[in-house]
Structure formats: C-alpha cells, structure tokens
Amino acid sequence: MNVRAHMSMLFHLDKCIGCHTCSIACKNLWTDRRGAEYMWWNNVETRPGAGYPTQWEDQAHYHGGWRTDKGGLHLRLHSRPGGLLKIFYNPSLPSLDDYYEPFTFRYQDLFNAPPGDDQPTAIPISMVTGDPIDIQTGPNWDDDLGGSNIYAKNDLNMAAMPEYVGQQMAELKRVVFNYLPRICNHCLNPGCLAACPAGAIYKRAEDGVVLVNENKCRAWRMCVSGCPYKKVYYNWSTGKSEKCILCFPRLEVGQTTACSHSCVGRIRYVGVLLYDADRIPGACLVHDLELVAAHNSVILDPFDPEVLAGARANGIEENWISAAQKSPVYKFTKQWGLALPLHPEFRTMPMMFYVPPLSPVVSFMAEDLYKLDVAPHAGSSQEHYFELFDRLDAARMPVEYLASLLAAGNVASVRAALRKLLAVRTYKRRIALEGAAQQQTLDMLSSAGTNPEEAEAIYRLTALPTADERFVLPKYHRERSVEAWTDPMTRRGEMGFGYVQAPRRGE
C-alpha cells in the first residue's frame, strides 16, 4: 500500500446558482494578463449544452485522456513514436474558434468622434490582432440556454441517450438545465502530464496539485490535446502553457482557493483525501461501468489502522491525517457515496467530485410530494412513498444523462446517490411538518442505504455548514517553499509561473 495525500474539491450541483462569481474571482487573480484573456481556469457551463471550449468532450476529435486496448492503457493522442512524428503538427489541437477570440472595445471612439447626429459607439476589436471583429461567441455564450434545443442538441452526452430520453427532455413542460462548474481535476493519472514531450508538467508530491514548469515548457501544446477536460491553455503572448494551480499559494498559508472562497451558493468543499497510488493502474483498466467503483476503491479510509500506518510510513504528517479524517470531500465521496467524478471514462482519475443535482428531479415530482405533505394520512401509503424512487427515471433531468456525465454510463451509481438525497430531503420535510419521522419515512431511509443519524449529518453539511466545515485545510511547511524559491541552482529562483520573483540569495 502506497498511501499518499491529495487536496481535492467537491461541487454540490444542487446549490449552484450559475452566478459565475467563482470564474471572475479566478480571472481577476490568475488570468488577467496579456495572452491569458481567453483562459477560464474556472468556468461554469449550462447543461445540456456544448460546454467551453465547444464540445470539449468529443475525444474522437480532440483525442484527450486514455484508452484501453491490448490489455494496457495508452494515450488517445499518440504513442511515443507517433508523438515524435507529429510534434510539429497536431490536428487534435483546439483552435481559437473553439474558445473565442479575445476582444475589447475601442473606447476612444466615444471621446474622439466628431460632432454629429448619431450616437458614437465603441466597436469591438481583437486583442490578438487589434483589428475590428464581429463577435460570434464567448466563454459562456449559451449561458442559461443550454436546456434549449438549439444548444442541447450539440451536447455529446445527448447523442448516447435512448430516443425516449431525448423526447422526455424535449417536452416543453420538462425543459430543464443545471449548472456545471469546472476547474482542472488535478488527476491521479493526468493525460496532460503524459502527453508533454518536454516533461514540463509535474504533480506535487505533498498535495497532488498538477503544475506546469514554464521554464521547461517549449510550447508543443500536446498537453492541451492530452487533457480531455481542456483545462490546459496556451498563452499566445508568452508561448507557454498555463492551467489551474488550485491556488496553492493560498493553500500554503491556510486560505482556501479563490473560487471556493467567493462561491455565493457555497457549493464548494475543499479537503484532503488519502489514496493508494499502487491501485491506480488497475483502477484505470476496468470496464467503463466499473470505473466509479474502482475509482472509489483507490480512496482510502483515514480511520483504518493499516492506512494510518502506511500514511505515517510515507511521511504524511499528523495534521494532514487529521484533516483527511475531517474532510468533507471524503464524507461525500467515500463515506456517503453521494459524489461522483466527471467523465471517469477518460481514465485520468479526476480528483474533483460532483454531487448530482436533485432539484430538477424533485420538481417534476413536487405535486406528489405536496400531496403527501398536506394529507399524510389521507390516501398516502408506504407504497406511494417508494413510487417516488421508481419515478426518478421519469424526472426532468434524466438519470441516463447524469450517468453519461458523471458515471461513465453507470446508471446505478447515479440512481443510488439520488435515492439517498431524495430520502434525506423527504425525511427532513417530514420532521419539519410533523415534528418526527413516521415509520414509512424511516423505511425509505433504510431502502436508500442510510439512517437518521447519517441523514442529519448529510443535511447539516449540505445546508448548514460553517466555513471551517467546508474547508478543512492542513498546515503546509511554508519554509520548504521559501527554500525552493531561493535555491542557488535556479540562480534567480522564480516562483513557479514567474508571477513573483524572489530575491537572490544575499539581497
């Protein structure tokens, strides 16, 4: 057992309101420089929809992530000899049109226009060429329109749905969308790292954060194609690749990431997960429908004595072990089984997890729930309660769609999470209306694989968490970072991305 620690994040999709505050916080802090205008290390997509960059999930075109053939795991992008053959030509690379051409407005036209009868306007100009452009798209061009047929039909997850699911979502009364916030998944088996011919991408041993060493980056851009989530970007001004750094400078001083700190809906949770590095190869080789369970098996129980012994043997300190035991991410993923990875079929083993949205599911069944609430003893029965579970498949947001997005098509994984979420919601509703839960509600909890104690814990961490409960951050050894900055072997000792230049030794 090779126990390691990883900083991870969880997104509770039931709570996301699509305000994009997280995106703006990240943009203002990390990507407000020349060449990074089009980079959105954090973006919020409306689903069903095409996403950003457009149709990033289409690995038949982009060749991101991994594939299994001949009993082994291989990059979709190329083999090692194949990578050398096309190192100067990469047809799988997204074009600027797949993102959008960065633009601004020529505001001086408003001040310098000659007198006239017409109101002067500031025309849009490209930030790349400086020429006037006709704006055709943007980073969230389909915001709030993803549920419409115009954009939903371009969602690749819809293409794999049975015909009846498409008809179900197309009905006017069932038109629905949810928000999907995305950052770099800081994967355990990152495709970007494996695809980089310069060896410029690495995974930090202390917390698992995947970073780009821009001193080594040679602008081959294979990392952009190799990442199936398209969360590595090329800076057209500096000629270097850049990506989400999980705000590691903030984590090192005890602050949470900018996106989670600014989140209005409080949907984000940050915590430590312990995992077994030796299990990663085997977990990547299983069948698609087994990927969620295999991924879950890699995450270890931080209370297991054998795991604790392995962690200490690998030098993981007690405060990190304690943080892993209190981690909200561990509770949602491993302990409660409510959180799932995004597109595990890419086999990069992402370490960001999502609680599937229940609101669109329940809204379709709201009338039945209301009847049970206002007349719990007149015409309601235990059978009627359990029918709600069966009707999950007829909900506005089809379970098959969520399974394609979060479970590699494993409907059972998504249905189990939704059943537990629905059971907890019904249980708390019963207590609010009657002061206590009836036996049929307790039976509902039991059939969903939970109990009143766990239901209360899920409710509290979902609806009433404090900041300290949402962000359980261990202490870093800051002095090690200082030593890295002033390492005489680097002579200048620039910090990672070159944003901060540390003083030379003796200055």
Protein backbone atom coordinates (compact mmCIF):
# COMPACT_ATOMS: atom_id res chain seq x y z
CA MET A 1 0.00 0.00 0.00
CA ASN A 2 1.45 3.32 -1.14
CA VAL A 3 -0.54 5.91 0.82
CA ARG A 4 -0.45 9.50 -0.41
CA ALA A 5 -2.37 12.68 0.33
CA HIS A 6 -4.29 14.79 -2.17
CA MET A 7 -6.06 18.14 -1.91
CA SER A 8 -9.46 17.70 -3.54
CA MET A 9 -12.63 19.68 -4.12
CA LEU A 10 -16.30 18.80 -4.24
CA PHE A 11 -19.08 20.62 -6.10
CA HIS A 12 -22.66 20.28 -4.85
CA LEU A 13 -24.61 20.86 -8.06
CA ASP A 14 -27.92 21.22 -6.25
CA LYS A 15 -26.66 24.51 -4.79
CA CYS A 16 -25.02 26.14 -7.84
CA ILE A 17 -26.93 29.24 -9.00
CA GLY A 18 -24.79 29.94 -12.06
CA CYS A 19 -23.64 33.39 -10.91
CA HIS A 20 -20.07 32.94 -12.27
CA THR A 21 -18.61 34.67 -9.21
CA CYS A 22 -16.08 31.85 -8.96
CA SER A 23 -14.98 32.40 -12.56
CA ILE A 24 -14.49 36.14 -12.05
CA ALA A 25 -12.56 35.61 -8.81
CA CYS A 26 -10.19 33.23 -10.60
CA LYS A 27 -9.92 35.51 -13.64
CA ASN A 28 -9.04 38.55 -11.55
CA LEU A 29 -6.43 36.66 -9.55
CA TRP A 30 -4.68 34.48 -12.12
CA THR A 31 -5.58 35.18 -15.77
CA ASP A 32 -5.80 38.94 -16.20
CA ARG A 33 -2.52 39.07 -18.14
CA ARG A 34 -1.85 39.56 -21.83
CA GLY A 35 -2.25 36.26 -23.65
CA ALA A 36 -4.50 34.82 -20.96
CA GLU A 37 -7.65 36.75 -21.85
CA TYR A 38 -9.47 33.71 -23.20
CA MET A 39 -8.35 31.43 -20.34
CA TRP A 40 -11.03 30.49 -17.86
CA TRP A 41 -9.32 28.20 -15.39
CA ASN A 42 -12.71 28.12 -13.70
CA ASN A 43 -15.83 28.23 -15.87
CA VAL A 44 -19.49 27.43 -15.29
CA GLU A 45 -21.33 25.65 -18.08
CA THR A 46 -25.06 25.27 -18.64
CA ARG A 47 -26.01 21.64 -19.22
CA PRO A 48 -27.24 20.20 -21.51
CA GLY A 49 -25.00 22.29 -23.74
CA ALA A 50 -21.81 22.32 -25.77
CA GLY A 51 -19.51 23.50 -22.96
CA TYR A 52 -16.30 25.51 -23.13
CA PRO A 53 -14.31 25.11 -25.29
CA THR A 54 -17.01 24.00 -27.69
CA GLN A 55 -17.68 20.26 -27.44
CA TRP A 56 -14.62 19.60 -25.29
CA GLU A 57 -16.00 16.13 -24.55
CA ASP A 58 -15.53 14.99 -28.16
CA GLN A 59 -12.45 12.82 -27.74
CA ALA A 60 -12.96 11.36 -31.23
CA HIS A 61 -11.75 14.79 -32.39
CA TYR A 62 -9.51 16.00 -29.55
CA HIS A 63 -8.06 12.61 -28.52
CA GLY A 64 -7.71 13.53 -24.87
CA GLY A 65 -7.34 11.11 -21.97
CA TRP A 66 -6.59 7.41 -22.16
CA ARG A 67 -7.88 4.31 -23.95
CA THR A 68 -7.58 0.63 -23.10
CA ASP A 69 -6.56 -1.84 -25.76
CA LYS A 70 -4.42 -4.96 -25.91
CA GLY A 71 -4.72 -5.23 -22.15
CA GLY A 72 -2.95 -1.95 -21.48
CA LEU A 73 -3.53 1.76 -21.00
CA HIS A 74 -2.46 4.11 -23.80
CA LEU A 75 -2.83 7.79 -24.55
CA ARG A 76 -5.55 8.54 -27.06
CA LEU A 77 -3.45 11.33 -28.53
CA HIS A 78 -0.48 9.28 -29.74
CA SER A 79 2.08 6.68 -28.92
CA ARG A 80 5.63 7.74 -28.13
CA PRO A 81 6.85 7.25 -31.74
CA GLY A 82 3.65 8.80 -33.05
CA GLY A 83 4.19 11.84 -30.87
CA LEU A 84 7.59 12.42 -32.42
CA LEU A 85 6.15 12.15 -35.92
CA LYS A 86 3.54 14.86 -35.37
CA ILE A 87 5.36 17.02 -32.86
CA PHE A 88 5.27 19.96 -35.30
CA TYR A 89 1.71 19.28 -36.41
CA ASN A 90 -1.11 18.45 -34.02
CA PRO A 91 -4.52 18.16 -35.74
CA SER A 92 -6.19 17.42 -32.39
CA LEU A 93 -5.43 20.87 -31.03
CA PRO A 94 -8.42 23.16 -30.34
CA SER A 95 -8.42 26.29 -32.46
CA LEU A 96 -9.12 29.79 -31.21
CA ASP A 97 -12.62 29.50 -32.68
CA ASP A 98 -13.30 26.61 -30.30
CA TYR A 99 -12.73 29.09 -27.48
CA TYR A 100 -13.29 32.66 -28.66
CA GLU A 101 -11.07 35.41 -29.97
CA PRO A 102 -10.28 37.76 -27.07
CA PHE A 103 -11.74 41.18 -27.72
CA THR A 104 -12.14 44.59 -26.19
CA PHE A 105 -13.81 47.79 -27.36
CA ARG A 106 -12.25 50.88 -28.90
CA TYR A 107 -13.50 53.21 -26.20
CA GLN A 108 -11.60 56.20 -27.55
CA ASP A 109 -14.19 56.37 -30.33
CA LEU A 110 -16.66 57.59 -27.73
CA PHE A 111 -14.44 60.54 -26.87
CA ASN A 112 -12.79 61.36 -30.20
CA ALA A 113 -15.76 61.05 -32.56
CA PRO A 114 -16.56 64.31 -34.41
CA PRO A 115 -19.85 66.08 -33.71
CA GLY A 116 -22.79 64.51 -35.50
CA ASP A 117 -26.41 63.46 -35.32
CA ASP A 118 -25.63 59.86 -34.39
CA GLN A 119 -24.54 58.48 -31.04
CA PRO A 120 -20.94 57.24 -31.37
CA THR A 121 -20.29 53.60 -30.48
CA ALA A 122 -17.21 51.71 -29.37
CA ILE A 123 -16.62 48.96 -31.89
CA PRO A 124 -15.15 45.62 -30.81
CA ILE A 125 -11.55 44.91 -31.74
CA SER A 126 -9.43 41.77 -31.43
CA MET A 127 -6.92 41.73 -28.60
CA VAL A 128 -4.74 39.44 -30.72
CA THR A 129 -4.56 41.40 -33.98
CA GLY A 130 -6.00 44.77 -32.98
CA ASP A 131 -8.40 44.67 -35.96
CA PRO A 132 -12.17 45.17 -35.75
CA ILE A 133 -14.03 41.86 -35.38
CA ASP A 134 -17.58 40.58 -35.45
CA ILE A 135 -18.20 38.85 -32.11
CA GLN A 136 -19.57 35.36 -32.74
CA THR A 137 -19.13 33.59 -29.42
CA GLY A 138 -17.81 33.87 -25.88
CA PRO A 139 -16.87 31.79 -22.84
CA ASN A 140 -20.48 31.37 -21.70
CA TRP A 141 -22.31 32.19 -24.93
CA ASP A 142 -25.04 29.64 -24.20
CA ASP A 143 -25.43 30.60 -20.54
CA ASP A 144 -28.94 29.69 -19.34
CA LEU A 145 -29.80 28.48 -22.86
CA GLY A 146 -28.21 25.06 -22.53
CA GLY A 147 -31.58 23.45 -21.92
CA SER A 148 -32.94 24.74 -25.22
CA ASN A 149 -32.93 22.57 -28.30
CA ILE A 150 -30.54 24.98 -30.03
CA TYR A 151 -27.66 24.12 -27.72
CA ALA A 152 -28.78 20.91 -26.02
CA LYS A 153 -28.71 19.01 -29.30
CA ASN A 154 -24.96 19.71 -29.53
CA ASP A 155 -24.30 18.09 -26.15
CA LEU A 156 -22.39 14.88 -26.86
CA ASN A 157 -23.95 13.24 -23.82
CA MET A 158 -27.33 13.56 -25.54
CA ALA A 159 -26.10 11.63 -28.58
CA ALA A 160 -25.69 8.49 -26.49
CA MET A 161 -29.13 8.77 -24.90
CA PRO A 162 -32.00 6.48 -25.93
CA GLU A 163 -34.61 8.13 -28.12
CA TYR A 164 -37.20 8.27 -25.36
CA VAL A 165 -34.80 10.26 -23.16
CA GLY A 166 -34.40 12.90 -25.86
CA GLN A 167 -38.16 13.11 -26.25
CA GLN A 168 -38.53 13.35 -22.49
CA MET A 169 -36.18 16.34 -22.29
CA ALA A 170 -37.67 18.00 -25.37
CA GLU A 171 -41.16 18.28 -23.90
CA LEU A 172 -41.83 21.90 -23.07
CA LYS A 173 -43.01 21.24 -19.54
CA ARG A 174 -39.80 19.35 -18.79
CA VAL A 175 -37.24 21.72 -20.29
CA VAL A 176 -34.53 21.90 -17.68
CA PHE A 177 -30.86 22.70 -17.25
CA ASN A 178 -28.34 22.70 -14.47
CA TYR A 179 -25.01 24.41 -13.98
CA LEU A 180 -21.70 22.57 -14.17
CA PRO A 181 -18.69 24.43 -12.69
CA ARG A 182 -15.35 23.08 -13.91
CA ILE A 183 -11.72 23.53 -12.95
CA CYS A 184 -8.65 21.38 -13.56
CA ASN A 185 -9.31 17.99 -11.97
CA HIS A 186 -5.67 17.55 -10.83
CA CYS A 187 -5.99 13.93 -11.86
CA LEU A 188 -4.17 10.95 -10.42
CA ASN A 189 -3.35 9.78 -13.96
CA PRO A 190 -3.17 13.10 -15.84
CA GLY A 191 -3.20 12.92 -19.63
CA CYS A 192 -1.58 16.36 -19.91
CA LEU A 193 1.47 15.17 -17.97
CA ALA A 194 1.88 12.03 -20.07
CA ALA A 195 1.47 13.91 -23.36
CA CYS A 196 4.06 16.63 -22.67
CA PRO A 197 7.23 15.85 -24.68
CA ALA A 198 9.27 18.37 -22.68
CA GLY A 199 8.45 16.94 -19.26
CA ALA A 200 7.25 20.36 -18.15
CA ILE A 201 4.17 19.15 -16.26
CA TYR A 202 4.51 17.55 -12.86
CA LYS A 203 2.35 16.53 -9.90
CA ARG A 204 3.36 17.87 -6.49
CA ALA A 205 4.10 15.08 -4.05
CA GLU A 206 2.83 16.93 -0.98
CA ASP A 207 -0.72 17.70 -2.15
CA GLY A 208 -1.20 16.26 -5.66
CA VAL A 209 -1.56 19.62 -7.42
CA VAL A 210 -0.66 19.36 -11.13
CA LEU A 211 1.51 22.27 -12.29
CA VAL A 212 3.37 23.49 -15.38
CA ASN A 213 7.05 24.34 -15.07
CA GLU A 214 7.17 27.19 -17.55
CA ASN A 215 10.96 27.16 -17.55
CA LYS A 216 10.75 23.76 -19.25
CA CYS A 217 7.69 24.41 -21.41
CA ARG A 218 8.57 24.52 -25.13
CA ALA A 219 5.08 25.32 -26.46
CA TRP A 220 4.49 21.93 -28.11
CA ARG A 221 0.90 22.18 -26.79
CA MET A 222 0.47 18.41 -26.61
CA CYS A 223 -0.76 18.97 -23.05
CA VAL A 224 -3.73 20.94 -24.39
CA SER A 225 -4.80 17.99 -26.52
CA GLY A 226 -3.86 15.37 -23.92
CA CYS A 227 -6.15 16.88 -21.29
CA PRO A 228 -9.65 15.52 -22.03
CA TYR A 229 -11.22 18.32 -19.97
CA LYS A 230 -9.39 21.02 -21.95
CA LYS A 231 -8.16 22.74 -18.82
CA VAL A 232 -4.64 23.45 -20.08
CA TYR A 233 -4.35 26.65 -22.09
CA TYR A 234 -1.71 28.11 -24.37
CA ASN A 235 -0.65 31.69 -23.74
CA TRP A 236 -0.33 33.17 -27.21
CA SER A 237 1.74 36.07 -25.87
CA THR A 238 4.37 34.25 -23.78
CA GLY A 239 4.40 30.98 -25.73
CA LYS A 240 3.85 28.93 -22.56
CA SER A 241 1.10 26.61 -21.36
CA GLU A 242 -0.86 27.56 -18.25
CA LYS A 243 -3.53 25.91 -16.12
CA CYS A 244 -5.36 25.99 -12.79
CA ILE A 245 -2.89 25.74 -9.91
CA LEU A 246 -5.56 25.05 -7.26
CA CYS A 247 -4.45 28.33 -5.67
CA PHE A 248 -1.57 26.52 -3.98
CA PRO A 249 -0.02 29.80 -2.72
CA ARG A 250 -3.28 30.39 -0.83
CA LEU A 251 -3.45 26.82 0.45
CA GLU A 252 0.10 27.07 1.76
CA VAL A 253 -0.88 29.96 4.05
CA GLY A 254 -4.12 28.37 5.25
CA GLN A 255 -6.55 30.06 2.85
CA THR A 256 -8.93 28.18 0.59
CA THR A 257 -8.99 28.57 -3.20
CA ALA A 258 -10.29 31.82 -4.68
CA CYS A 259 -13.19 30.09 -6.44
CA SER A 260 -14.42 28.32 -3.30
CA HIS A 261 -13.86 31.38 -1.10
CA SER A 262 -16.01 33.57 -3.36
CA CYS A 263 -18.73 30.98 -4.08
CA VAL A 264 -22.12 32.59 -3.44
CA GLY A 265 -24.04 29.32 -3.33
CA ARG A 266 -21.45 27.72 -1.02
CA ILE A 267 -21.41 24.69 -3.28
CA ARG A 268 -17.67 24.02 -2.94
CA TYR A 269 -15.94 21.93 -0.33
CA VAL A 270 -12.17 21.51 -0.03
CA GLY A 271 -10.43 18.74 1.86
CA VAL A 272 -7.74 16.06 1.92
CA LEU A 273 -8.16 12.56 0.54
CA LEU A 274 -5.79 9.69 1.22
CA TYR A 275 -5.33 7.33 -1.70
CA ASP A 276 -3.35 4.23 -2.63
CA ALA A 277 -1.05 5.01 -5.55
CA ASP A 278 -0.45 1.30 -6.17
CA ARG A 279 -4.10 0.77 -7.08
CA ILE A 280 -4.18 3.43 -9.80
CA PRO A 281 -3.05 1.27 -12.76
CA GLY A 282 -5.59 -1.45 -12.02
CA ALA A 283 -8.40 1.06 -11.43
CA CYS A 284 -7.82 2.58 -14.87
CA LEU A 285 -8.11 -0.73 -16.72
CA VAL A 286 -11.58 -1.84 -15.63
CA HIS A 287 -14.72 -1.73 -17.77
CA ASP A 288 -16.49 1.63 -18.08
CA LEU A 289 -19.37 0.56 -15.84
CA GLU A 290 -16.91 -0.40 -13.11
CA LEU A 291 -14.87 2.82 -13.17
CA VAL A 292 -16.79 4.61 -10.42
CA ALA A 293 -16.36 1.70 -8.00
CA ALA A 294 -12.70 1.29 -8.98
CA HIS A 295 -12.07 5.00 -8.51
CA ASN A 296 -13.73 4.84 -5.12
CA SER A 297 -11.57 1.88 -4.11
CA VAL A 298 -8.41 3.95 -4.63
CA ILE A 299 -9.60 6.43 -1.96
CA LEU A 300 -8.69 5.10 1.46
CA ASP A 301 -10.39 5.16 4.84
CA PRO A 302 -8.40 7.63 7.01
CA PHE A 303 -9.56 5.81 10.16
CA ASP A 304 -8.23 2.40 9.07
CA PRO A 305 -5.17 1.48 11.23
CA GLU A 306 -3.41 -0.08 8.23
CA VAL A 307 -3.96 3.10 6.20
CA LEU A 308 -2.70 5.25 9.06
CA ALA A 309 0.43 3.15 9.37
CA GLY A 310 1.04 3.42 5.62
CA ALA A 311 0.50 7.19 5.70
CA ARG A 312 2.98 7.68 8.52
CA ALA A 313 5.48 5.39 6.80
CA ASN A 314 5.27 7.64 3.71
CA GLY A 315 5.94 10.75 5.78
CA ILE A 316 2.38 12.11 5.82
CA GLU A 317 2.16 14.24 8.93
CA GLU A 318 -0.43 14.01 11.66
CA ASN A 319 -2.15 17.27 10.80
CA TRP A 320 -2.72 16.02 7.24
CA ILE A 321 -4.09 12.73 8.57
CA SER A 322 -6.38 14.65 10.92
CA ALA A 323 -7.53 16.85 8.02
CA ALA A 324 -8.29 13.73 5.96
CA GLN A 325 -10.43 12.37 8.81
CA LYS A 326 -12.44 15.61 8.91
CA SER A 327 -12.51 16.10 5.14
CA PRO A 328 -15.97 16.96 3.73
CA VAL A 329 -14.84 15.57 0.38
CA TYR A 330 -14.19 12.18 1.99
CA LYS A 331 -17.62 12.20 3.61
CA PHE A 332 -19.48 12.95 0.38
CA THR A 333 -17.46 10.57 -1.79
CA LYS A 334 -16.36 7.55 0.20
CA GLN A 335 -18.45 7.61 3.37
CA TRP A 336 -21.86 8.63 1.98
CA GLY A 337 -21.44 7.66 -1.67
CA LEU A 338 -23.07 10.87 -2.93
CA ALA A 339 -20.31 12.36 -5.10
CA LEU A 340 -19.09 11.17 -8.49
CA PRO A 341 -16.15 12.07 -10.79
CA LEU A 342 -16.69 13.92 -14.06
CA HIS A 343 -16.33 11.62 -17.08
CA PRO A 344 -14.36 8.83 -15.43
CA GLU A 345 -14.27 7.04 -18.81
CA PHE A 346 -11.40 9.36 -19.77
CA ARG A 347 -9.41 7.28 -17.25
CA THR A 348 -7.40 10.19 -15.88
CA MET A 349 -8.90 9.56 -12.42
CA PRO A 350 -10.06 13.12 -11.66
CA MET A 351 -9.89 14.24 -8.04
CA MET A 352 -12.71 16.78 -8.24
CA PHE A 353 -16.14 15.32 -7.46
CA TYR A 354 -19.76 16.29 -8.05
CA VAL A 355 -22.96 15.66 -6.13
CA PRO A 356 -25.60 15.17 -8.87
CA PRO A 357 -28.44 17.72 -8.93
CA LEU A 358 -31.66 16.63 -7.26
CA SER A 359 -33.72 19.79 -7.67
CA PRO A 360 -34.78 19.14 -11.27
CA VAL A 361 -35.63 15.58 -10.24
CA VAL A 362 -37.82 16.58 -7.32
CA SER A 363 -39.52 19.45 -9.14
CA PHE A 364 -41.15 17.01 -11.50
CA MET A 365 -42.47 15.02 -8.54
CA ALA A 366 -43.35 18.08 -6.45
CA GLU A 367 -47.08 17.56 -6.81
CA ASP A 368 -46.87 14.06 -5.34
CA LEU A 369 -44.62 15.25 -2.51
CA TYR A 370 -47.08 18.08 -1.78
CA LYS A 371 -49.98 15.65 -1.57
CA LEU A 372 -48.07 13.52 0.90
CA ASP A 373 -47.22 16.59 2.98
CA VAL A 374 -50.65 18.21 3.22
CA ALA A 375 -52.50 14.92 3.71
CA PRO A 376 -50.00 12.42 5.07
CA HIS A 377 -52.69 10.17 6.48
CA ALA A 378 -55.33 10.51 3.78
CA GLY A 379 -54.63 8.42 0.75
CA SER A 380 -50.87 8.19 1.29
CA SER A 381 -49.12 4.94 1.88
CA GLN A 382 -45.71 3.41 2.16
CA GLU A 383 -46.08 2.17 -1.41
CA HIS A 384 -46.77 5.72 -2.58
CA TYR A 385 -43.53 6.90 -0.98
CA PHE A 386 -41.50 4.21 -2.66
CA GLU A 387 -43.06 5.05 -6.03
CA LEU A 388 -41.10 8.30 -5.85
CA PHE A 389 -37.88 6.31 -6.07
CA ASP A 390 -39.14 4.49 -9.14
CA ARG A 391 -40.10 7.77 -10.80
CA LEU A 392 -36.53 9.05 -10.75
CA ASP A 393 -36.22 7.66 -14.26
CA ALA A 394 -39.09 9.90 -15.38
CA ALA A 395 -37.67 13.07 -13.86
CA ARG A 396 -36.96 16.26 -15.77
CA MET A 397 -33.21 15.66 -15.68
CA PRO A 398 -32.93 12.05 -16.88
CA VAL A 399 -30.80 9.73 -14.81
CA GLU A 400 -29.25 8.42 -18.03
CA TYR A 401 -27.95 11.89 -18.89
CA LEU A 402 -26.41 12.38 -15.45
CA ALA A 403 -24.84 8.91 -15.69
CA SER A 404 -23.24 9.81 -19.02
CA LEU A 405 -21.83 12.96 -17.45
CA LEU A 406 -20.73 11.67 -14.04
CA ALA A 407 -20.51 7.88 -14.06
CA ALA A 408 -19.38 6.60 -17.48
CA GLY A 409 -22.93 5.45 -18.14
CA ASN A 410 -23.36 3.60 -14.84
CA VAL A 411 -26.98 4.50 -14.10
CA ALA A 412 -26.97 2.52 -10.85
CA SER A 413 -24.34 4.81 -9.30
CA VAL A 414 -26.31 7.96 -10.07
CA ARG A 415 -29.62 6.42 -9.04
CA ALA A 416 -28.15 5.33 -5.69
CA ALA A 417 -26.93 8.87 -4.98
CA LEU A 418 -30.25 10.44 -5.99
CA ARG A 419 -32.25 7.96 -3.95
CA LYS A 420 -30.26 8.82 -0.84
CA LEU A 421 -30.55 12.56 -1.47
CA LEU A 422 -34.29 12.24 -2.01
CA ALA A 423 -34.68 10.12 1.11
CA VAL A 424 -32.82 12.71 3.21
CA ARG A 425 -34.92 15.54 1.79
CA THR A 426 -38.17 13.67 2.47
CA TYR A 427 -37.01 12.77 5.98
CA LYS A 428 -36.25 16.39 6.87
CA ARG A 429 -39.52 17.55 5.31
CA ARG A 430 -41.43 15.07 7.50
CA ILE A 431 -39.70 16.34 10.64
CA ALA A 432 -40.42 19.95 9.70
CA LEU A 433 -44.13 19.24 9.15
CA GLU A 434 -44.86 16.70 11.85
CA GLY A 435 -42.07 17.08 14.37
CA ALA A 436 -40.99 13.49 13.89
CA ALA A 437 -40.50 10.99 11.09
CA GLN A 438 -43.07 8.23 10.61
CA GLN A 439 -42.08 4.61 10.15
CA GLN A 440 -42.62 4.78 6.39
CA THR A 441 -40.08 7.59 6.18
CA LEU A 442 -37.58 5.59 8.22
CA ASP A 443 -38.17 2.65 5.90
CA MET A 444 -37.49 4.99 2.98
CA LEU A 445 -34.17 5.96 4.52
CA SER A 446 -33.27 2.33 5.06
CA SER A 447 -34.12 1.37 1.48
CA ALA A 448 -31.83 4.18 0.28
CA GLY A 449 -28.95 2.79 2.33
CA THR A 450 -28.90 5.39 5.08
CA ASN A 451 -30.27 6.06 8.56
CA PRO A 452 -31.48 9.06 10.61
CA GLU A 453 -28.01 9.79 12.05
CA GLU A 454 -26.37 9.85 8.63
CA ALA A 455 -29.31 11.78 7.16
CA GLU A 456 -28.83 14.50 9.78
CA ALA A 457 -25.09 14.65 9.02
CA ILE A 458 -25.75 14.93 5.28
CA TYR A 459 -28.32 17.65 5.87
CA ARG A 460 -26.09 19.69 8.15
CA LEU A 461 -23.04 19.54 5.86
CA THR A 462 -25.22 20.40 2.87
CA ALA A 463 -27.44 23.14 4.26
CA LEU A 464 -25.79 24.49 7.42
CA PRO A 465 -22.01 24.12 7.11
CA THR A 466 -19.62 26.67 8.53
CA ALA A 467 -16.55 27.77 6.59
CA ASP A 468 -14.36 25.57 8.79
CA GLU A 469 -16.54 22.57 7.93
CA ARG A 470 -16.49 23.26 4.19
CA PHE A 471 -12.76 23.98 4.02
CA VAL A 472 -10.64 21.60 6.09
CA LEU A 473 -7.11 22.67 5.26
CA PRO A 474 -3.94 21.20 6.79
CA LYS A 475 -0.87 23.27 7.54
CA TYR A 476 1.86 23.31 4.91
CA HIS A 477 5.54 23.61 5.60
CA ARG A 478 5.99 27.09 4.24
CA GLU A 479 9.73 27.04 4.81
CA ARG A 480 10.13 24.39 2.13
CA SER A 481 8.56 26.68 -0.42
CA VAL A 482 10.90 29.50 0.59
CA GLU A 483 13.87 27.19 0.15
CA ALA A 484 12.64 26.27 -3.33
CA TRP A 485 12.36 29.92 -4.31
CA THR A 486 15.92 30.73 -3.24
CA ASP A 487 17.57 27.54 -4.46
CA PRO A 488 21.01 28.60 -5.75
CA MET A 489 20.70 26.03 -8.53
CA THR A 490 17.96 28.19 -10.11
CA ARG A 491 20.07 31.35 -9.65
CA ARG A 492 17.01 33.60 -9.78
CA GLY A 493 14.61 31.20 -8.07
CA GLU A 494 11.42 32.40 -9.72
CA MET A 495 8.22 31.10 -8.17
CA GLY A 496 6.62 28.54 -10.46
CA PHE A 497 4.84 30.62 -13.05
CA GLY A 498 7.04 33.68 -12.90
CA TYR A 499 4.37 35.83 -11.24
CA VAL A 500 6.66 36.56 -8.28
CA GLN A 501 10.39 36.79 -8.42
CA ALA A 502 12.06 36.01 -5.15
CA PRO A 503 15.16 38.00 -4.18
CA ARG A 504 18.51 36.47 -4.97
CA ARG A 505 20.38 34.95 -2.10
CA GLY A 506 22.11 37.72 -0.18
CA GLU A 507 19.88 40.52 -1.49
